[in-house]
PDB file of all heavy atoms in Angstrom:
ATOM      1  N   VAL A   1      13.545  -0.605 -11.375  1.00  0.00           N
ATOM      2  CA  VAL A   1      14.432   0.160 -10.480  1.00  0.00           C
ATOM      3  C   VAL A   1      13.697   0.461  -9.202  1.00  0.00           C
ATOM      4  O   VAL A   1      14.273   0.120  -8.129  1.00  0.00           O
ATOM      5  CB  VAL A   1      14.787   1.553 -11.167  1.00  0.00           C
ATOM      6  CG1 VAL A   1      15.640   2.315 -10.205  1.00  0.00           C
ATOM      7  CG2 VAL A   1      15.352   1.466 -12.555  1.00  0.00           C
ATOM      8  N   SER A   2      12.412   0.912  -9.204  1.00  0.00           N
ATOM      9  CA  SER A   2      11.651   0.987  -8.078  1.00  0.00           C
ATOM     10  C   SER A   2      11.394  -0.272  -7.327  1.00  0.00           C
ATOM     11  O   SER A   2      11.344  -0.346  -6.029  1.00  0.00           O
ATOM     12  CB  SER A   2      10.334   1.716  -8.268  1.00  0.00           C
ATOM     13  OG  SER A   2       9.494   1.014  -9.094  1.00  0.00           O
ATOM     14  N   LEU A   3      11.193  -1.300  -8.122  1.00  0.00           N
ATOM     15  CA  LEU A   3      10.968  -2.693  -7.482  1.00  0.00           C
ATOM     16  C   LEU A   3      12.172  -3.242  -6.769  1.00  0.00           C
ATOM     17  O   LEU A   3      12.089  -3.886  -5.798  1.00  0.00           O
ATOM     18  CB  LEU A   3      10.517  -3.730  -8.622  1.00  0.00           C
ATOM     19  CG  LEU A   3       9.039  -3.516  -8.967  1.00  0.00           C
ATOM     20  CD1 LEU A   3       8.702  -4.514 -10.146  1.00  0.00           C
ATOM     21  CD2 LEU A   3       8.160  -3.879  -7.808  1.00  0.00           C
ATOM     22  N   GLU A   4      13.338  -2.968  -7.407  1.00  0.00           N
ATOM     23  CA  GLU A   4      14.615  -3.369  -6.775  1.00  0.00           C
ATOM     24  C   GLU A   4      14.668  -2.730  -5.351  1.00  0.00           C
ATOM     25  O   GLU A   4      15.037  -3.490  -4.363  1.00  0.00           O
ATOM     26  CB  GLU A   4      15.803  -3.102  -7.644  1.00  0.00           C
ATOM     27  CG  GLU A   4      16.060  -3.998  -8.709  1.00  0.00           C
ATOM     28  CD  GLU A   4      17.206  -3.556  -9.532  1.00  0.00           C
ATOM     29  OE1 GLU A   4      17.531  -2.370  -9.621  1.00  0.00           O
ATOM     30  OE2 GLU A   4      17.823  -4.429 -10.272  1.00  0.00           O
ATOM     31  N   TYR A   5      14.411  -1.510  -5.230  1.00  0.00           N
ATOM     32  CA  TYR A   5      14.387  -0.722  -4.043  1.00  0.00           C
ATOM     33  C   TYR A   5      13.311  -1.346  -3.116  1.00  0.00           C
ATOM     34  O   TYR A   5      13.589  -1.554  -1.894  1.00  0.00           O
ATOM     35  CB  TYR A   5      14.062   0.686  -4.319  1.00  0.00           C
ATOM     36  CG  TYR A   5      13.832   1.509  -3.092  1.00  0.00           C
ATOM     37  CD1 TYR A   5      14.819   1.988  -2.183  1.00  0.00           C
ATOM     38  CD2 TYR A   5      12.472   2.035  -2.755  1.00  0.00           C
ATOM     39  CE1 TYR A   5      14.661   2.754  -1.161  1.00  0.00           C
ATOM     40  CE2 TYR A   5      12.316   2.701  -1.618  1.00  0.00           C
ATOM     41  CZ  TYR A   5      13.386   3.188  -0.725  1.00  0.00           C
ATOM     42  OH  TYR A   5      13.167   3.861   0.313  1.00  0.00           O
ATOM     43  N   SER A   6      12.156  -1.588  -3.564  1.00  0.00           N
ATOM     44  CA  SER A   6      11.027  -2.170  -2.709  1.00  0.00           C
ATOM     45  C   SER A   6      11.425  -3.501  -2.147  1.00  0.00           C
ATOM     46  O   SER A   6      11.212  -3.871  -0.928  1.00  0.00           O
ATOM     47  CB  SER A   6       9.769  -2.331  -3.590  1.00  0.00           C
ATOM     48  OG  SER A   6       8.696  -2.577  -2.740  1.00  0.00           O
ATOM     49  N   ILE A   7      11.980  -4.368  -2.993  1.00  0.00           N
ATOM     50  CA  ILE A   7      12.517  -5.639  -2.597  1.00  0.00           C
ATOM     51  C   ILE A   7      13.530  -5.563  -1.414  1.00  0.00           C
ATOM     52  O   ILE A   7      13.447  -6.300  -0.433  1.00  0.00           O
ATOM     53  CB  ILE A   7      13.151  -6.530  -3.670  1.00  0.00           C
ATOM     54  CG1 ILE A   7      11.915  -6.890  -4.674  1.00  0.00           C
ATOM     55  CG2 ILE A   7      13.876  -7.711  -3.271  1.00  0.00           C
ATOM     56  CD1 ILE A   7      12.498  -7.496  -5.973  1.00  0.00           C
ATOM     57  N   ARG A   8      14.476  -4.643  -1.539  1.00  0.00           N
ATOM     58  CA  ARG A   8      15.469  -4.364  -0.579  1.00  0.00           C
ATOM     59  C   ARG A   8      14.864  -3.934   0.752  1.00  0.00           C
ATOM     60  O   ARG A   8      15.268  -4.332   1.838  1.00  0.00           O
ATOM     61  CB  ARG A   8      16.483  -3.357  -1.059  1.00  0.00           C
ATOM     62  CG  ARG A   8      17.541  -2.930   0.051  1.00  0.00           C
ATOM     63  CD  ARG A   8      18.677  -2.257  -0.583  1.00  0.00           C
ATOM     64  NE  ARG A   8      18.325  -1.004  -1.274  1.00  0.00           N
ATOM     65  CZ  ARG A   8      18.154   0.254  -0.812  1.00  0.00           C
ATOM     66  NH1 ARG A   8      18.295   0.399   0.486  1.00  0.00           N
ATOM     67  NH2 ARG A   8      17.863   1.292  -1.527  1.00  0.00           N
ATOM     68  N   VAL A   9      13.985  -2.907   0.715  1.00  0.00           N
ATOM     69  CA  VAL A   9      13.467  -2.260   1.916  1.00  0.00           C
ATOM     70  C   VAL A   9      12.448  -3.254   2.696  1.00  0.00           C
ATOM     71  O   VAL A   9      12.517  -3.346   3.877  1.00  0.00           O
ATOM     72  CB  VAL A   9      12.636  -0.945   1.480  1.00  0.00           C
ATOM     73  CG1 VAL A   9      11.861  -0.431   2.665  1.00  0.00           C
ATOM     74  CG2 VAL A   9      13.534   0.034   1.047  1.00  0.00           C
ATOM     75  N   ASN A  10      11.814  -4.068   1.974  1.00  0.00           N
ATOM     76  CA  ASN A  10      10.799  -5.030   2.555  1.00  0.00           C
ATOM     77  C   ASN A  10      11.460  -6.356   2.932  1.00  0.00           C
ATOM     78  O   ASN A  10      10.837  -7.157   3.684  1.00  0.00           O
ATOM     79  CB  ASN A  10       9.686  -5.254   1.589  1.00  0.00           C
ATOM     80  CG  ASN A  10       8.656  -4.044   1.542  1.00  0.00           C
ATOM     81  OD1 ASN A  10       7.973  -3.763   2.495  1.00  0.00           O
ATOM     82  ND2 ASN A  10       8.819  -3.385   0.409  1.00  0.00           N
ATOM     83  N   GLY A  11      12.533  -6.666   2.219  1.00  0.00           N
ATOM     84  CA  GLY A  11      13.128  -8.067   2.383  1.00  0.00           C
ATOM     85  C   GLY A  11      12.243  -9.115   1.711  1.00  0.00           C
ATOM     86  O   GLY A  11      12.084 -10.272   2.154  1.00  0.00           O
ATOM     87  N   ILE A  12      11.644  -8.704   0.528  1.00  0.00           N
ATOM     88  CA  ILE A  12      10.792  -9.636  -0.215  1.00  0.00           C
ATOM     89  C   ILE A  12      11.322 -10.909  -0.568  1.00  0.00           C
ATOM     90  O   ILE A  12      12.501 -10.853  -1.194  1.00  0.00           O
ATOM     91  CB  ILE A  12      10.181  -8.878  -1.410  1.00  0.00           C
ATOM     92  CG1 ILE A  12       9.141  -7.746  -0.881  1.00  0.00           C
ATOM     93  CG2 ILE A  12       9.435  -9.853  -2.353  1.00  0.00           C
ATOM     94  CD1 ILE A  12       8.695  -6.791  -1.979  1.00  0.00           C
ATOM     95  N   THR A  13      10.785 -12.006  -0.286  1.00  0.00           N
ATOM     96  CA  THR A  13      11.419 -13.383  -0.563  1.00  0.00           C
ATOM     97  C   THR A  13      10.834 -14.000  -1.873  1.00  0.00           C
ATOM     98  O   THR A  13      11.575 -14.810  -2.393  1.00  0.00           O
ATOM     99  CB  THR A  13      11.158 -14.279   0.595  1.00  0.00           C
ATOM    100  OG1 THR A  13       9.734 -14.283   0.985  1.00  0.00           O
ATOM    101  CG2 THR A  13      11.877 -13.911   1.936  1.00  0.00           C
ATOM    102  N   ARG A  14       9.657 -13.583  -2.177  1.00  0.00           N
ATOM    103  CA  ARG A  14       9.073 -14.130  -3.526  1.00  0.00           C
ATOM    104  C   ARG A  14       8.062 -13.062  -3.875  1.00  0.00           C
ATOM    105  O   ARG A  14       7.456 -12.263  -3.168  1.00  0.00           O
ATOM    106  CB  ARG A  14       8.548 -15.431  -3.353  1.00  0.00           C
ATOM    107  CG  ARG A  14       7.651 -15.718  -2.126  1.00  0.00           C
ATOM    108  CD  ARG A  14       7.229 -17.160  -2.032  1.00  0.00           C
ATOM    109  NE  ARG A  14       6.443 -17.376  -0.820  1.00  0.00           N
ATOM    110  CZ  ARG A  14       5.692 -18.413  -0.607  1.00  0.00           C
ATOM    111  NH1 ARG A  14       5.684 -19.448  -1.478  1.00  0.00           N
ATOM    112  NH2 ARG A  14       4.900 -18.504   0.450  1.00  0.00           N
ATOM    113  N   ILE A  15       7.696 -13.182  -5.270  1.00  0.00           N
ATOM    114  CA  ILE A  15       6.741 -12.215  -5.911  1.00  0.00           C
ATOM    115  C   ILE A  15       5.583 -12.922  -6.396  1.00  0.00           C
ATOM    116  O   ILE A  15       5.589 -14.020  -6.977  1.00  0.00           O
ATOM    117  CB  ILE A  15       7.505 -11.599  -7.032  1.00  0.00           C
ATOM    118  CG1 ILE A  15       8.712 -10.648  -6.479  1.00  0.00           C
ATOM    119  CG2 ILE A  15       6.615 -10.681  -7.855  1.00  0.00           C
ATOM    120  CD1 ILE A  15       9.554 -10.149  -7.526  1.00  0.00           C
ATOM    121  N   ALA A  16       4.365 -12.211  -6.321  1.00  0.00           N
ATOM    122  CA  ALA A  16       3.159 -12.555  -6.985  1.00  0.00           C
ATOM    123  C   ALA A  16       2.868 -11.534  -8.009  1.00  0.00           C
ATOM    124  O   ALA A  16       2.704 -10.333  -7.696  1.00  0.00           O
ATOM    125  CB  ALA A  16       2.027 -12.740  -5.984  1.00  0.00           C
ATOM    126  N   VAL A  17       2.834 -11.868  -9.300  1.00  0.00           N
ATOM    127  CA  VAL A  17       2.655 -10.877 -10.382  1.00  0.00           C
ATOM    128  C   VAL A  17       1.148 -10.942 -10.714  1.00  0.00           C
ATOM    129  O   VAL A  17       0.493 -12.053 -10.986  1.00  0.00           O
ATOM    130  CB  VAL A  17       3.480 -11.271 -11.664  1.00  0.00           C
ATOM    131  CG1 VAL A  17       3.093 -10.332 -12.737  1.00  0.00           C
ATOM    132  CG2 VAL A  17       4.887 -11.178 -11.327  1.00  0.00           C
ATOM    133  N   THR A  18       0.528  -9.881 -10.741  1.00  0.00           N
ATOM    134  CA  THR A  18      -0.980  -9.722 -11.073  1.00  0.00           C
ATOM    135  C   THR A  18      -1.186  -9.019 -12.353  1.00  0.00           C
ATOM    136  O   THR A  18      -0.309  -8.391 -12.916  1.00  0.00           O
ATOM    137  CB  THR A  18      -1.675  -9.033  -9.977  1.00  0.00           C
ATOM    138  OG1 THR A  18      -1.273  -7.630  -9.944  1.00  0.00           O
ATOM    139  CG2 THR A  18      -1.551  -9.715  -8.565  1.00  0.00           C
ATOM    140  N   LYS A  19      -2.390  -9.292 -12.909  1.00  0.00           N
ATOM    141  CA  LYS A  19      -2.855  -8.580 -14.196  1.00  0.00           C
ATOM    142  C   LYS A  19      -1.975  -8.817 -15.421  1.00  0.00           C
ATOM    143  O   LYS A  19      -1.848  -7.840 -16.219  1.00  0.00           O
ATOM    144  CB  LYS A  19      -3.077  -7.118 -13.870  1.00  0.00           C
ATOM    145  CG  LYS A  19      -4.285  -6.803 -12.999  1.00  0.00           C
ATOM    146  CD  LYS A  19      -4.720  -5.334 -13.150  1.00  0.00           C
ATOM    147  CE  LYS A  19      -6.137  -5.136 -12.533  1.00  0.00           C
ATOM    148  NZ  LYS A  19      -6.585  -3.765 -12.744  1.00  0.00           N
ATOM    149  N   LEU A  20      -1.390  -9.949 -15.385  1.00  0.00           N
ATOM    150  CA  LEU A  20      -0.633 -10.165 -16.676  1.00  0.00           C
ATOM    151  C   LEU A  20      -1.440 -10.181 -18.016  1.00  0.00           C
ATOM    152  O   LEU A  20      -1.064  -9.801 -19.019  1.00  0.00           O
ATOM    153  CB  LEU A  20       0.060 -11.655 -16.492  1.00  0.00           C
ATOM    154  CG  LEU A  20       0.931 -12.007 -17.690  1.00  0.00           C
ATOM    155  CD1 LEU A  20       2.246 -11.144 -17.758  1.00  0.00           C
ATOM    156  CD2 LEU A  20       1.228 -13.529 -17.741  1.00  0.00           C
ATOM    157  N   ASP A  21      -2.721 -10.618 -17.694  1.00  0.00           N
ATOM    158  CA  ASP A  21      -3.627 -10.689 -18.892  1.00  0.00           C
ATOM    159  C   ASP A  21      -3.934  -9.235 -19.535  1.00  0.00           C
ATOM    160  O   ASP A  21      -4.314  -9.183 -20.717  1.00  0.00           O
ATOM    161  CB  ASP A  21      -5.013 -11.233 -18.395  1.00  0.00           C
ATOM    162  CG  ASP A  21      -5.562 -10.505 -17.243  1.00  0.00           C
ATOM    163  OD1 ASP A  21      -4.949 -10.551 -16.150  1.00  0.00           O
ATOM    164  OD2 ASP A  21      -6.683 -10.036 -17.390  1.00  0.00           O
ATOM    165  N   VAL A  22      -3.748  -8.139 -18.760  1.00  0.00           N
ATOM    166  CA  VAL A  22      -3.917  -6.887 -19.358  1.00  0.00           C
ATOM    167  C   VAL A  22      -3.015  -6.557 -20.448  1.00  0.00           C
ATOM    168  O   VAL A  22      -3.205  -5.786 -21.430  1.00  0.00           O
ATOM    169  CB  VAL A  22      -3.807  -5.770 -18.168  1.00  0.00           C
ATOM    170  CG1 VAL A  22      -3.822  -4.459 -18.772  1.00  0.00           C
ATOM    171  CG2 VAL A  22      -4.840  -5.952 -17.108  1.00  0.00           C
ATOM    172  N   LEU A  23      -1.822  -7.177 -20.402  1.00  0.00           N
ATOM    173  CA  LEU A  23      -0.917  -7.048 -21.592  1.00  0.00           C
ATOM    174  C   LEU A  23      -1.083  -7.931 -22.824  1.00  0.00           C
ATOM    175  O   LEU A  23      -0.246  -7.908 -23.687  1.00  0.00           O
ATOM    176  CB  LEU A  23       0.583  -7.326 -20.955  1.00  0.00           C
ATOM    177  CG  LEU A  23       1.044  -6.461 -19.750  1.00  0.00           C
ATOM    178  CD1 LEU A  23       2.404  -6.766 -19.272  1.00  0.00           C
ATOM    179  CD2 LEU A  23       0.882  -4.959 -20.085  1.00  0.00           C
ATOM    180  N   ASP A  24      -2.097  -8.767 -22.773  1.00  0.00           N
ATOM    181  CA  ASP A  24      -2.276  -9.804 -23.818  1.00  0.00           C
ATOM    182  C   ASP A  24      -2.370  -9.055 -25.168  1.00  0.00           C
ATOM    183  O   ASP A  24      -1.969  -9.802 -26.154  1.00  0.00           O
ATOM    184  CB  ASP A  24      -3.576 -10.475 -23.439  1.00  0.00           C
ATOM    185  CG  ASP A  24      -3.411 -11.548 -22.429  1.00  0.00           C
ATOM    186  OD1 ASP A  24      -2.372 -11.752 -21.971  1.00  0.00           O
ATOM    187  OD2 ASP A  24      -4.584 -12.061 -22.052  1.00  0.00           O
ATOM    188  N   ASP A  25      -2.804  -7.891 -25.347  1.00  0.00           N
ATOM    189  CA  ASP A  25      -3.101  -7.313 -26.648  1.00  0.00           C
ATOM    190  C   ASP A  25      -2.036  -6.420 -27.208  1.00  0.00           C
ATOM    191  O   ASP A  25      -2.082  -5.767 -28.215  1.00  0.00           O
ATOM    192  CB  ASP A  25      -4.422  -6.589 -26.758  1.00  0.00           C
ATOM    193  CG  ASP A  25      -5.614  -7.436 -26.536  1.00  0.00           C
ATOM    194  OD1 ASP A  25      -5.520  -8.709 -26.975  1.00  0.00           O
ATOM    195  OD2 ASP A  25      -6.590  -7.082 -25.998  1.00  0.00           O
ATOM    196  N   PHE A  26      -0.929  -6.292 -26.394  1.00  0.00           N
ATOM    197  CA  PHE A  26       0.201  -5.443 -26.787  1.00  0.00           C
ATOM    198  C   PHE A  26       1.276  -6.115 -27.542  1.00  0.00           C
ATOM    199  O   PHE A  26       1.880  -7.168 -27.107  1.00  0.00           O
ATOM    200  CB  PHE A  26       0.922  -4.779 -25.508  1.00  0.00           C
ATOM    201  CG  PHE A  26       0.008  -3.764 -24.888  1.00  0.00           C
ATOM    202  CD1 PHE A  26      -1.105  -4.250 -23.925  1.00  0.00           C
ATOM    203  CD2 PHE A  26       0.184  -2.491 -25.020  1.00  0.00           C
ATOM    204  CE1 PHE A  26      -1.821  -3.270 -23.346  1.00  0.00           C
ATOM    205  CE2 PHE A  26      -0.669  -1.526 -24.391  1.00  0.00           C
ATOM    206  CZ  PHE A  26      -1.691  -1.940 -23.573  1.00  0.00           C
ATOM    207  N   ALA A  27       1.575  -5.643 -28.706  1.00  0.00           N
ATOM    208  CA  ALA A  27       2.634  -6.251 -29.661  1.00  0.00           C
ATOM    209  C   ALA A  27       4.033  -5.997 -29.114  1.00  0.00           C
ATOM    210  O   ALA A  27       4.970  -6.887 -29.257  1.00  0.00           O
ATOM    211  CB  ALA A  27       2.471  -5.786 -31.026  1.00  0.00           C
ATOM    212  N   GLU A  28       4.243  -4.941 -28.428  1.00  0.00           N
ATOM    213  CA  GLU A  28       5.520  -4.607 -27.781  1.00  0.00           C
ATOM    214  C   GLU A  28       5.233  -4.199 -26.300  1.00  0.00           C
ATOM    215  O   GLU A  28       4.377  -3.442 -26.051  1.00  0.00           O
ATOM    216  CB  GLU A  28       6.233  -3.439 -28.501  1.00  0.00           C
ATOM    217  CG  GLU A  28       7.558  -3.226 -27.973  1.00  0.00           C
ATOM    218  CD  GLU A  28       8.235  -1.906 -28.562  1.00  0.00           C
ATOM    219  OE1 GLU A  28       7.415  -1.108 -29.034  1.00  0.00           O
ATOM    220  OE2 GLU A  28       9.412  -1.927 -28.574  1.00  0.00           O
ATOM    221  N   ILE A  29       6.090  -4.729 -25.461  1.00  0.00           N
ATOM    222  CA  ILE A  29       5.951  -4.421 -23.979  1.00  0.00           C
ATOM    223  C   ILE A  29       7.281  -3.908 -23.518  1.00  0.00           C
ATOM    224  O   ILE A  29       8.292  -4.535 -23.768  1.00  0.00           O
ATOM    225  CB  ILE A  29       5.477  -5.616 -23.166  1.00  0.00           C
ATOM    226  CG1 ILE A  29       4.152  -6.071 -23.644  1.00  0.00           C
ATOM    227  CG2 ILE A  29       5.440  -5.309 -21.676  1.00  0.00           C
ATOM    228  CD1 ILE A  29       3.737  -7.474 -23.153  1.00  0.00           C
TER     229      ILE A  29
END
């Protein structure tokens, strides 16, 4: 929800996702 707002306010054209590896050990996300 906050990201949709941020994309709108900034005019973001593409995304870089960081720290995906932090979620490696979670069975449910």
